[in-house]
N, C-alpha and C. Protein backbone atom coordinates (compact mmCIF):
# COMPACT_ATOMS: atom_id res chain seq x y z
N UNK A 1 90.74 107.60 34.69
CA UNK A 1 89.87 107.40 33.55
C UNK A 1 89.09 108.70 33.31
N UNK A 2 88.92 109.05 32.06
CA UNK A 2 88.27 110.30 31.75
C UNK A 2 86.76 110.14 31.68
N UNK A 3 86.10 111.26 31.72
CA UNK A 3 84.65 111.29 31.62
C UNK A 3 84.24 110.78 30.24
N UNK A 4 83.27 109.88 30.15
CA UNK A 4 82.91 109.34 28.84
C UNK A 4 82.34 110.38 27.89
N UNK A 5 81.84 111.49 28.39
CA UNK A 5 81.31 112.52 27.50
C UNK A 5 82.44 113.29 26.82
N UNK A 6 83.64 113.24 27.37
CA UNK A 6 84.78 113.92 26.77
C UNK A 6 85.42 113.05 25.70
N UNK A 7 85.33 111.76 25.85
CA UNK A 7 85.94 110.84 24.88
C UNK A 7 85.01 110.64 23.69
N UNK A 8 85.59 110.70 22.51
CA UNK A 8 84.83 110.44 21.29
C UNK A 8 85.11 109.01 20.86
N UNK A 9 84.09 108.23 20.74
CA UNK A 9 84.24 106.84 20.35
C UNK A 9 84.41 106.75 18.84
N UNK A 10 85.31 105.87 18.39
CA UNK A 10 85.45 105.69 16.94
C UNK A 10 84.19 105.02 16.37
N UNK A 11 83.98 105.23 15.11
CA UNK A 11 82.83 104.66 14.44
C UNK A 11 83.04 103.16 14.28
N UNK A 12 82.15 102.37 14.86
CA UNK A 12 82.31 100.92 14.82
C UNK A 12 81.23 100.27 13.97
N UNK A 13 80.52 101.03 13.19
CA UNK A 13 79.44 100.47 12.39
C UNK A 13 79.96 99.54 11.30
N UNK A 14 81.03 99.93 10.62
CA UNK A 14 81.54 99.12 9.51
C UNK A 14 82.08 97.77 10.00
N UNK A 15 82.96 97.73 11.03
CA UNK A 15 83.41 96.40 11.49
C UNK A 15 82.26 95.55 12.04
N UNK A 16 81.32 96.18 12.73
CA UNK A 16 80.18 95.43 13.27
C UNK A 16 79.31 94.89 12.14
N UNK A 17 79.12 95.67 11.08
CA UNK A 17 78.33 95.21 9.94
C UNK A 17 79.01 94.05 9.23
N UNK A 18 80.33 94.12 9.09
CA UNK A 18 81.07 93.04 8.43
C UNK A 18 80.97 91.76 9.24
N UNK A 19 81.20 91.85 10.55
CA UNK A 19 81.13 90.67 11.41
C UNK A 19 79.71 90.10 11.43
N UNK A 20 78.72 90.97 11.54
CA UNK A 20 77.33 90.50 11.56
C UNK A 20 76.96 89.82 10.24
N UNK A 21 77.40 90.37 9.14
CA UNK A 21 77.12 89.77 7.83
C UNK A 21 77.78 88.39 7.71
N UNK A 22 79.03 88.29 8.17
CA UNK A 22 79.70 86.98 8.13
C UNK A 22 79.00 85.95 9.02
N UNK A 23 78.59 86.36 10.20
CA UNK A 23 77.91 85.43 11.10
C UNK A 23 76.57 84.99 10.52
N UNK A 24 75.82 85.93 9.94
CA UNK A 24 74.54 85.58 9.33
C UNK A 24 74.76 84.65 8.13
N UNK A 25 75.78 84.94 7.31
CA UNK A 25 76.05 84.09 6.15
C UNK A 25 76.45 82.68 6.59
N UNK A 26 77.32 82.57 7.59
CA UNK A 26 77.72 81.24 8.08
C UNK A 26 76.53 80.50 8.70
N UNK A 27 75.71 81.21 9.44
CA UNK A 27 74.52 80.59 10.02
C UNK A 27 73.55 80.12 8.96
N UNK A 28 73.32 80.94 7.93
CA UNK A 28 72.42 80.54 6.84
C UNK A 28 72.98 79.35 6.09
N UNK A 29 74.30 79.35 5.84
CA UNK A 29 74.93 78.23 5.14
C UNK A 29 74.80 76.96 5.98
N UNK A 30 75.05 77.05 7.27
CA UNK A 30 74.91 75.88 8.14
C UNK A 30 73.48 75.37 8.20
N UNK A 31 72.52 76.29 8.25
CA UNK A 31 71.12 75.89 8.28
C UNK A 31 70.72 75.22 6.97
N UNK A 32 71.13 75.80 5.86
CA UNK A 32 70.81 75.22 4.55
C UNK A 32 71.43 73.84 4.40
N UNK A 33 72.69 73.74 4.84
CA UNK A 33 73.40 72.47 4.77
C UNK A 33 72.69 71.41 5.61
N UNK A 34 72.28 71.78 6.80
CA UNK A 34 71.61 70.84 7.70
C UNK A 34 70.26 70.42 7.14
N UNK A 35 69.48 71.35 6.65
CA UNK A 35 68.15 71.02 6.11
C UNK A 35 68.28 70.10 4.90
N UNK A 36 69.27 70.38 4.05
CA UNK A 36 69.51 69.53 2.88
C UNK A 36 69.87 68.11 3.30
N UNK A 37 70.72 67.98 4.30
CA UNK A 37 71.14 66.65 4.76
C UNK A 37 69.98 65.89 5.40
N UNK A 38 69.14 66.58 6.17
CA UNK A 38 68.01 65.91 6.82
C UNK A 38 66.97 65.51 5.77
N UNK A 39 66.70 66.39 4.80
CA UNK A 39 65.70 66.08 3.78
C UNK A 39 66.14 64.92 2.90
N UNK A 40 67.42 64.82 2.61
CA UNK A 40 67.92 63.75 1.76
C UNK A 40 68.29 62.49 2.55
N UNK A 41 68.25 62.59 3.87
CA UNK A 41 68.62 61.47 4.76
C UNK A 41 70.02 60.97 4.45
N UNK A 42 70.94 61.89 4.22
CA UNK A 42 72.33 61.56 3.92
C UNK A 42 73.23 62.35 4.85
N UNK A 43 74.48 61.91 4.99
CA UNK A 43 75.43 62.71 5.78
C UNK A 43 75.71 64.03 5.05
N UNK A 44 76.19 65.01 5.77
CA UNK A 44 76.45 66.32 5.20
C UNK A 44 77.47 66.22 4.07
N UNK A 45 77.12 66.75 2.93
CA UNK A 45 78.00 66.70 1.77
C UNK A 45 79.17 67.65 1.99
N UNK A 46 80.35 67.20 1.61
CA UNK A 46 81.53 68.04 1.73
C UNK A 46 82.28 67.84 3.03
N UNK A 47 81.74 67.08 3.97
CA UNK A 47 82.41 66.87 5.25
C UNK A 47 83.03 65.47 5.35
N UNK A 48 83.14 64.79 4.23
CA UNK A 48 83.68 63.43 4.25
C UNK A 48 85.13 63.41 4.73
N UNK A 49 85.91 64.39 4.37
CA UNK A 49 87.33 64.41 4.74
C UNK A 49 87.56 64.85 6.17
N UNK A 50 86.54 65.36 6.83
CA UNK A 50 86.71 65.85 8.20
C UNK A 50 86.50 64.77 9.26
N UNK A 51 86.08 63.56 8.84
CA UNK A 51 85.80 62.51 9.81
C UNK A 51 87.03 62.11 10.61
N UNK A 52 88.18 62.09 9.96
CA UNK A 52 89.39 61.60 10.62
C UNK A 52 90.14 62.66 11.40
N UNK A 53 89.68 63.91 11.38
CA UNK A 53 90.39 64.98 12.10
C UNK A 53 90.11 64.92 13.60
N UNK A 54 91.14 65.18 14.37
CA UNK A 54 90.98 65.28 15.82
C UNK A 54 91.14 66.74 16.23
N UNK A 55 90.91 67.02 17.50
CA UNK A 55 91.03 68.41 17.97
C UNK A 55 92.46 68.91 17.88
N UNK A 56 93.43 68.04 17.83
CA UNK A 56 94.82 68.46 17.75
C UNK A 56 95.35 68.55 16.33
N UNK A 57 94.52 68.31 15.34
CA UNK A 57 94.96 68.35 13.94
C UNK A 57 95.32 69.79 13.55
N UNK A 58 96.28 69.91 12.65
CA UNK A 58 96.80 71.23 12.26
C UNK A 58 95.70 72.14 11.69
N UNK A 59 94.81 71.69 10.79
CA UNK A 59 93.78 72.61 10.29
C UNK A 59 92.84 73.11 11.39
N UNK A 60 92.51 72.26 12.34
CA UNK A 60 91.63 72.65 13.43
C UNK A 60 92.32 73.68 14.32
N UNK A 61 93.59 73.44 14.63
CA UNK A 61 94.36 74.38 15.47
C UNK A 61 94.52 75.72 14.77
N UNK A 62 94.81 75.70 13.46
CA UNK A 62 94.95 76.96 12.70
C UNK A 62 93.64 77.74 12.66
N UNK A 63 92.51 77.06 12.45
CA UNK A 63 91.22 77.75 12.45
C UNK A 63 90.90 78.33 13.83
N UNK A 64 91.19 77.59 14.87
CA UNK A 64 90.96 78.09 16.23
C UNK A 64 91.85 79.29 16.52
N UNK A 65 93.12 79.24 16.10
CA UNK A 65 94.02 80.37 16.30
C UNK A 65 93.56 81.60 15.53
N UNK A 66 93.12 81.41 14.29
CA UNK A 66 92.61 82.52 13.49
C UNK A 66 91.38 83.14 14.14
N UNK A 67 90.48 82.31 14.63
CA UNK A 67 89.28 82.81 15.31
C UNK A 67 89.66 83.58 16.58
N UNK A 68 90.65 83.11 17.31
CA UNK A 68 91.09 83.80 18.53
C UNK A 68 91.71 85.15 18.20
N UNK A 69 92.54 85.21 17.15
CA UNK A 69 93.16 86.49 16.76
C UNK A 69 92.10 87.49 16.33
N UNK A 70 91.15 87.04 15.51
CA UNK A 70 90.08 87.94 15.08
C UNK A 70 89.27 88.42 16.28
N UNK A 71 88.98 87.52 17.21
CA UNK A 71 88.23 87.90 18.41
C UNK A 71 88.98 88.92 19.26
N UNK A 72 90.28 88.75 19.44
CA UNK A 72 91.07 89.70 20.23
C UNK A 72 91.13 91.06 19.54
N UNK A 73 91.31 91.08 18.24
CA UNK A 73 91.34 92.35 17.50
C UNK A 73 90.00 93.07 17.63
N UNK A 74 88.91 92.35 17.45
CA UNK A 74 87.58 92.98 17.58
C UNK A 74 87.33 93.47 19.01
N UNK A 75 87.81 92.72 20.00
CA UNK A 75 87.65 93.14 21.39
C UNK A 75 88.44 94.41 21.68
N UNK A 76 89.67 94.49 21.19
CA UNK A 76 90.49 95.69 21.39
C UNK A 76 89.84 96.89 20.70
N UNK A 77 89.34 96.69 19.48
CA UNK A 77 88.66 97.79 18.78
C UNK A 77 87.42 98.26 19.53
N UNK A 78 86.71 97.34 20.16
CA UNK A 78 85.50 97.72 20.88
C UNK A 78 85.81 98.47 22.17
N UNK A 79 86.91 98.13 22.84
CA UNK A 79 87.21 98.73 24.14
C UNK A 79 88.10 99.96 24.07
N UNK A 80 88.82 100.15 22.98
CA UNK A 80 89.76 101.27 22.88
C UNK A 80 88.98 102.58 22.75
N UNK A 81 89.25 103.53 23.63
CA UNK A 81 88.54 104.81 23.52
C UNK A 81 89.09 105.62 22.35
N UNK A 82 88.27 106.52 21.87
CA UNK A 82 88.69 107.40 20.79
C UNK A 82 89.49 108.58 21.34
N UNK A 83 89.84 109.48 20.44
CA UNK A 83 90.56 110.69 20.87
C UNK A 83 89.64 111.54 21.73
N UNK A 84 90.24 112.34 22.55
CA UNK A 84 89.46 113.26 23.37
C UNK A 84 88.84 114.32 22.47
N UNK A 85 87.57 114.58 22.64
CA UNK A 85 86.85 115.57 21.85
C UNK A 85 86.94 116.92 22.56
N UNK A 86 88.18 117.42 22.69
CA UNK A 86 88.42 118.67 23.40
C UNK A 86 89.36 119.55 22.60
N UNK A 87 89.37 120.83 22.95
CA UNK A 87 90.30 121.79 22.36
C UNK A 87 91.05 122.42 23.53
N UNK A 88 92.37 122.48 23.41
CA UNK A 88 93.20 123.02 24.49
C UNK A 88 93.15 124.55 24.48
N UNK A 89 93.12 125.13 25.66
CA UNK A 89 93.13 126.58 25.78
C UNK A 89 94.11 127.01 26.86
N UNK A 90 94.68 128.19 26.71
CA UNK A 90 95.67 128.69 27.67
C UNK A 90 94.99 129.62 28.66
N UNK A 91 95.51 129.63 29.87
CA UNK A 91 94.99 130.48 30.94
C UNK A 91 96.08 131.48 31.33
N UNK A 92 96.16 132.59 30.64
CA UNK A 92 97.22 133.58 30.88
C UNK A 92 97.08 134.24 32.26
N UNK A 93 95.86 134.40 32.76
CA UNK A 93 95.67 135.09 34.03
C UNK A 93 96.19 134.29 35.23
N UNK A 94 96.44 132.99 35.06
CA UNK A 94 96.95 132.16 36.14
C UNK A 94 98.44 131.87 36.00
N UNK A 95 99.08 132.50 35.06
CA UNK A 95 100.52 132.31 34.88
C UNK A 95 100.84 131.72 33.53
N UNK A 96 102.08 131.88 33.11
CA UNK A 96 102.47 131.35 31.79
C UNK A 96 102.51 129.82 31.81
N UNK A 97 102.12 129.26 30.71
CA UNK A 97 102.17 127.81 30.58
C UNK A 97 100.99 127.07 31.18
N UNK A 98 100.03 127.77 31.75
CA UNK A 98 98.85 127.11 32.32
C UNK A 98 97.85 126.83 31.21
N UNK A 99 97.43 125.58 31.11
CA UNK A 99 96.47 125.21 30.08
C UNK A 99 95.34 124.39 30.68
N UNK A 100 94.25 124.35 29.98
CA UNK A 100 93.11 123.51 30.31
C UNK A 100 92.44 123.14 28.99
N UNK A 101 91.34 122.45 29.05
CA UNK A 101 90.64 122.07 27.82
C UNK A 101 89.18 122.47 27.92
N UNK A 102 88.57 122.63 26.77
CA UNK A 102 87.13 122.85 26.68
C UNK A 102 86.60 121.82 25.69
N UNK A 103 85.47 121.25 26.01
CA UNK A 103 84.92 120.22 25.14
C UNK A 103 84.37 120.84 23.86
N UNK A 104 84.29 120.04 22.84
CA UNK A 104 83.72 120.54 21.58
C UNK A 104 82.24 120.85 21.76
N UNK A 105 81.58 120.15 22.64
CA UNK A 105 80.18 120.46 22.95
C UNK A 105 80.08 121.85 23.57
N UNK A 106 81.05 122.18 24.43
CA UNK A 106 81.09 123.52 25.02
C UNK A 106 81.29 124.60 23.97
N UNK A 107 82.16 124.33 22.99
CA UNK A 107 82.35 125.28 21.90
C UNK A 107 81.06 125.48 21.11
N UNK A 108 80.35 124.40 20.88
CA UNK A 108 79.07 124.50 20.17
C UNK A 108 78.05 125.31 20.96
N UNK A 109 78.04 125.13 22.26
CA UNK A 109 77.10 125.90 23.10
C UNK A 109 77.46 127.38 23.11
N UNK A 110 78.74 127.68 23.13
CA UNK A 110 79.17 129.09 23.08
C UNK A 110 78.74 129.70 21.75
N UNK A 111 78.95 128.98 20.66
CA UNK A 111 78.57 129.48 19.34
C UNK A 111 77.06 129.67 19.24
N UNK A 112 76.28 128.73 19.75
CA UNK A 112 74.82 128.86 19.72
C UNK A 112 74.35 130.03 20.58
N UNK A 113 75.02 130.24 21.72
CA UNK A 113 74.65 131.38 22.58
C UNK A 113 74.93 132.71 21.88
N UNK A 114 76.06 132.80 21.18
CA UNK A 114 76.36 134.01 20.42
C UNK A 114 75.33 134.23 19.31
N UNK A 115 74.91 133.14 18.68
CA UNK A 115 73.91 133.25 17.63
C UNK A 115 72.57 133.72 18.20
N UNK A 116 72.21 133.21 19.38
CA UNK A 116 70.94 133.61 19.99
C UNK A 116 70.95 135.07 20.41
N UNK A 117 72.11 135.61 20.74
CA UNK A 117 72.22 137.00 21.15
C UNK A 117 72.17 137.98 19.98
N UNK A 118 72.27 137.50 18.77
CA UNK A 118 72.28 138.35 17.59
C UNK A 118 70.86 138.76 17.24
N UNK A 119 70.68 140.03 16.90
CA UNK A 119 69.35 140.53 16.53
C UNK A 119 68.88 139.85 15.25
N UNK A 120 67.60 139.51 15.22
CA UNK A 120 67.01 138.90 14.04
C UNK A 120 67.07 137.39 14.03
N UNK A 121 67.72 136.81 15.02
CA UNK A 121 67.84 135.35 15.08
C UNK A 121 66.62 134.76 15.75
N UNK A 122 66.00 133.79 15.09
CA UNK A 122 64.84 133.11 15.66
C UNK A 122 65.29 131.88 16.44
N UNK A 123 66.15 131.07 15.82
CA UNK A 123 66.67 129.88 16.48
C UNK A 123 68.06 129.57 15.94
N UNK A 124 68.79 128.78 16.71
CA UNK A 124 70.13 128.39 16.27
C UNK A 124 70.44 126.99 16.76
N UNK A 125 71.31 126.34 16.01
CA UNK A 125 71.77 125.00 16.37
C UNK A 125 73.22 124.90 15.92
N UNK A 126 74.07 124.35 16.79
CA UNK A 126 75.49 124.26 16.49
C UNK A 126 75.94 122.81 16.50
N UNK A 127 76.76 122.47 15.52
CA UNK A 127 77.39 121.16 15.44
C UNK A 127 78.90 121.40 15.52
N UNK A 128 79.56 120.79 16.49
CA UNK A 128 80.97 121.12 16.70
C UNK A 128 81.84 119.88 16.71
N UNK A 129 83.03 120.07 16.17
CA UNK A 129 84.11 119.08 16.19
C UNK A 129 85.37 119.84 16.57
N UNK A 130 86.46 119.14 16.92
CA UNK A 130 87.66 119.86 17.34
C UNK A 130 88.19 120.85 16.30
N UNK A 131 88.00 120.59 15.02
CA UNK A 131 88.54 121.48 14.00
C UNK A 131 87.54 122.42 13.37
N UNK A 132 86.24 122.25 13.67
CA UNK A 132 85.25 123.09 13.01
C UNK A 132 83.99 123.18 13.84
N UNK A 133 83.33 124.34 13.74
CA UNK A 133 82.04 124.57 14.38
C UNK A 133 81.11 125.08 13.29
N UNK A 134 79.98 124.41 13.13
CA UNK A 134 79.01 124.82 12.13
C UNK A 134 77.73 125.22 12.85
N UNK A 135 77.25 126.42 12.56
CA UNK A 135 76.07 126.96 13.21
C UNK A 135 74.99 127.15 12.15
N UNK A 136 73.82 126.60 12.42
CA UNK A 136 72.65 126.78 11.57
C UNK A 136 71.73 127.78 12.26
N UNK A 137 71.40 128.87 11.57
CA UNK A 137 70.63 129.95 12.17
C UNK A 137 69.39 130.21 11.32
N UNK A 138 68.25 130.30 11.98
CA UNK A 138 67.02 130.75 11.33
C UNK A 138 66.86 132.23 11.69
N UNK A 139 66.68 133.08 10.68
CA UNK A 139 66.64 134.51 10.92
C UNK A 139 65.45 135.15 10.20
N UNK A 140 64.99 136.28 10.76
CA UNK A 140 63.94 137.07 10.12
C UNK A 140 64.53 138.28 9.42
N UNK A 141 65.83 138.43 9.46
CA UNK A 141 66.50 139.56 8.83
C UNK A 141 66.33 139.48 7.31
N UNK A 142 66.18 140.64 6.66
CA UNK A 142 65.98 140.62 5.20
C UNK A 142 67.21 140.13 4.44
N UNK A 143 68.41 140.35 4.98
CA UNK A 143 69.62 139.93 4.30
C UNK A 143 70.36 138.91 5.17
N UNK A 144 70.27 137.66 4.78
CA UNK A 144 70.90 136.59 5.56
C UNK A 144 72.42 136.63 5.50
N UNK A 145 72.98 137.15 4.41
CA UNK A 145 74.44 137.20 4.28
C UNK A 145 75.06 138.16 5.30
N UNK A 146 74.39 139.25 5.60
CA UNK A 146 74.90 140.17 6.62
C UNK A 146 74.91 139.51 7.99
N UNK A 147 73.83 138.81 8.31
CA UNK A 147 73.75 138.09 9.58
C UNK A 147 74.83 137.02 9.63
N UNK A 148 75.03 136.34 8.52
CA UNK A 148 76.04 135.29 8.44
C UNK A 148 77.44 135.85 8.68
N UNK A 149 77.77 136.95 8.02
CA UNK A 149 79.09 137.56 8.18
C UNK A 149 79.29 138.09 9.60
N UNK A 150 78.26 138.77 10.13
CA UNK A 150 78.35 139.32 11.48
C UNK A 150 78.52 138.21 12.51
N UNK A 151 77.74 137.17 12.35
CA UNK A 151 77.78 136.08 13.32
C UNK A 151 79.09 135.30 13.25
N UNK A 152 79.60 135.08 12.07
CA UNK A 152 80.89 134.40 11.93
C UNK A 152 81.98 135.19 12.63
N UNK A 153 81.99 136.50 12.44
CA UNK A 153 82.99 137.35 13.10
C UNK A 153 82.85 137.34 14.61
N UNK A 154 81.61 137.42 15.11
CA UNK A 154 81.40 137.44 16.57
C UNK A 154 81.83 136.12 17.21
N UNK A 155 81.49 135.01 16.58
CA UNK A 155 81.87 133.72 17.16
C UNK A 155 83.38 133.54 17.11
N UNK A 156 84.01 133.95 16.02
CA UNK A 156 85.46 133.83 15.90
C UNK A 156 86.15 134.71 16.95
N UNK A 157 85.63 135.95 17.17
CA UNK A 157 86.20 136.81 18.21
C UNK A 157 86.06 136.18 19.59
N UNK A 158 84.92 135.57 19.83
CA UNK A 158 84.67 134.92 21.13
C UNK A 158 85.66 133.77 21.34
N UNK A 159 85.90 132.97 20.30
CA UNK A 159 86.85 131.88 20.41
C UNK A 159 88.27 132.40 20.62
N UNK A 160 88.62 133.50 19.94
CA UNK A 160 89.95 134.09 20.13
C UNK A 160 90.12 134.62 21.55
N UNK A 161 89.05 135.17 22.13
CA UNK A 161 89.11 135.69 23.50
C UNK A 161 89.29 134.55 24.52
N UNK A 162 88.85 133.36 24.17
CA UNK A 162 89.00 132.23 25.09
C UNK A 162 90.45 131.76 25.19
N UNK A 163 91.27 132.09 24.22
CA UNK A 163 92.67 131.66 24.24
C UNK A 163 92.85 130.23 23.78
N UNK A 164 92.05 129.83 22.81
CA UNK A 164 92.17 128.47 22.28
C UNK A 164 93.50 128.32 21.55
N UNK A 165 94.14 127.19 21.76
CA UNK A 165 95.42 126.95 21.11
C UNK A 165 95.24 126.87 19.59
N UNK A 166 94.23 126.14 19.13
CA UNK A 166 93.88 126.09 17.71
C UNK A 166 92.40 126.41 17.60
N UNK A 167 92.12 127.59 17.12
CA UNK A 167 90.73 128.01 17.01
C UNK A 167 90.05 127.25 15.87
N UNK A 168 88.87 126.67 16.12
CA UNK A 168 88.20 125.93 15.06
C UNK A 168 87.66 126.86 13.98
N UNK A 169 87.52 126.32 12.77
CA UNK A 169 86.94 127.08 11.67
C UNK A 169 85.44 127.21 11.91
N UNK A 170 84.92 128.41 11.77
CA UNK A 170 83.50 128.67 12.03
C UNK A 170 82.79 128.86 10.70
N UNK A 171 81.72 128.11 10.50
CA UNK A 171 80.85 128.32 9.34
C UNK A 171 79.43 128.53 9.84
N UNK A 172 78.76 129.49 9.23
CA UNK A 172 77.38 129.81 9.61
C UNK A 172 76.51 129.66 8.38
N UNK A 173 75.40 128.94 8.54
CA UNK A 173 74.40 128.82 7.48
C UNK A 173 73.13 129.46 7.99
N UNK A 174 72.53 130.29 7.17
CA UNK A 174 71.31 130.96 7.57
C UNK A 174 70.15 130.47 6.72
N UNK A 175 68.98 130.47 7.31
CA UNK A 175 67.75 130.19 6.59
C UNK A 175 66.73 131.25 6.97
N UNK A 176 65.89 131.61 6.03
CA UNK A 176 64.93 132.71 6.22
C UNK A 176 63.68 132.20 6.88
N UNK A 177 63.24 132.90 7.92
CA UNK A 177 61.96 132.65 8.57
C UNK A 177 61.07 133.84 8.31
N UNK A 178 59.81 133.61 8.12
CA UNK A 178 58.88 134.72 7.82
C UNK A 178 58.54 135.52 9.05
N UNK A 179 58.28 134.86 10.16
CA UNK A 179 57.97 135.60 11.39
C UNK A 179 58.46 134.82 12.60
N UNK A 180 58.52 135.54 13.70
CA UNK A 180 58.99 134.92 14.94
C UNK A 180 57.98 134.02 15.44
């Protein structure tokens, strides 16, 4: 099993929101139905045809099967790990064909370290994914475009020196700071 920090979990907000909305809607409908029946002192309206059903009836079995399938699908989606958030790199000094991986977080840290080493940089923050690294830099330099171009080149050279199989696209955004 891999380290959980290397695995990227898929976004589960949308399925969770859909399931939560359905559960809340069914609960509200059941509560409204129950309060209406108690206030009117009558049996629940709309359930007249369900009196004769047994647990082995076809509609009950089909609903139970549907609920089980939905539950298994949601369980698999919750437990299935995402793709590894790593970039493969080659190790030429240890022989041909030797490879290892570096995490995308590691790529972001390398990019932020390069940004911090650049003259005129006040602070830096890097956001990294397997295909792209975005660095936000606050600088006191009079021309932010020069810092941006220089920093993009330095980070790209650093990634090329690492021997990454697919070098991520580097984008640098600069913002002007008045003083350190």
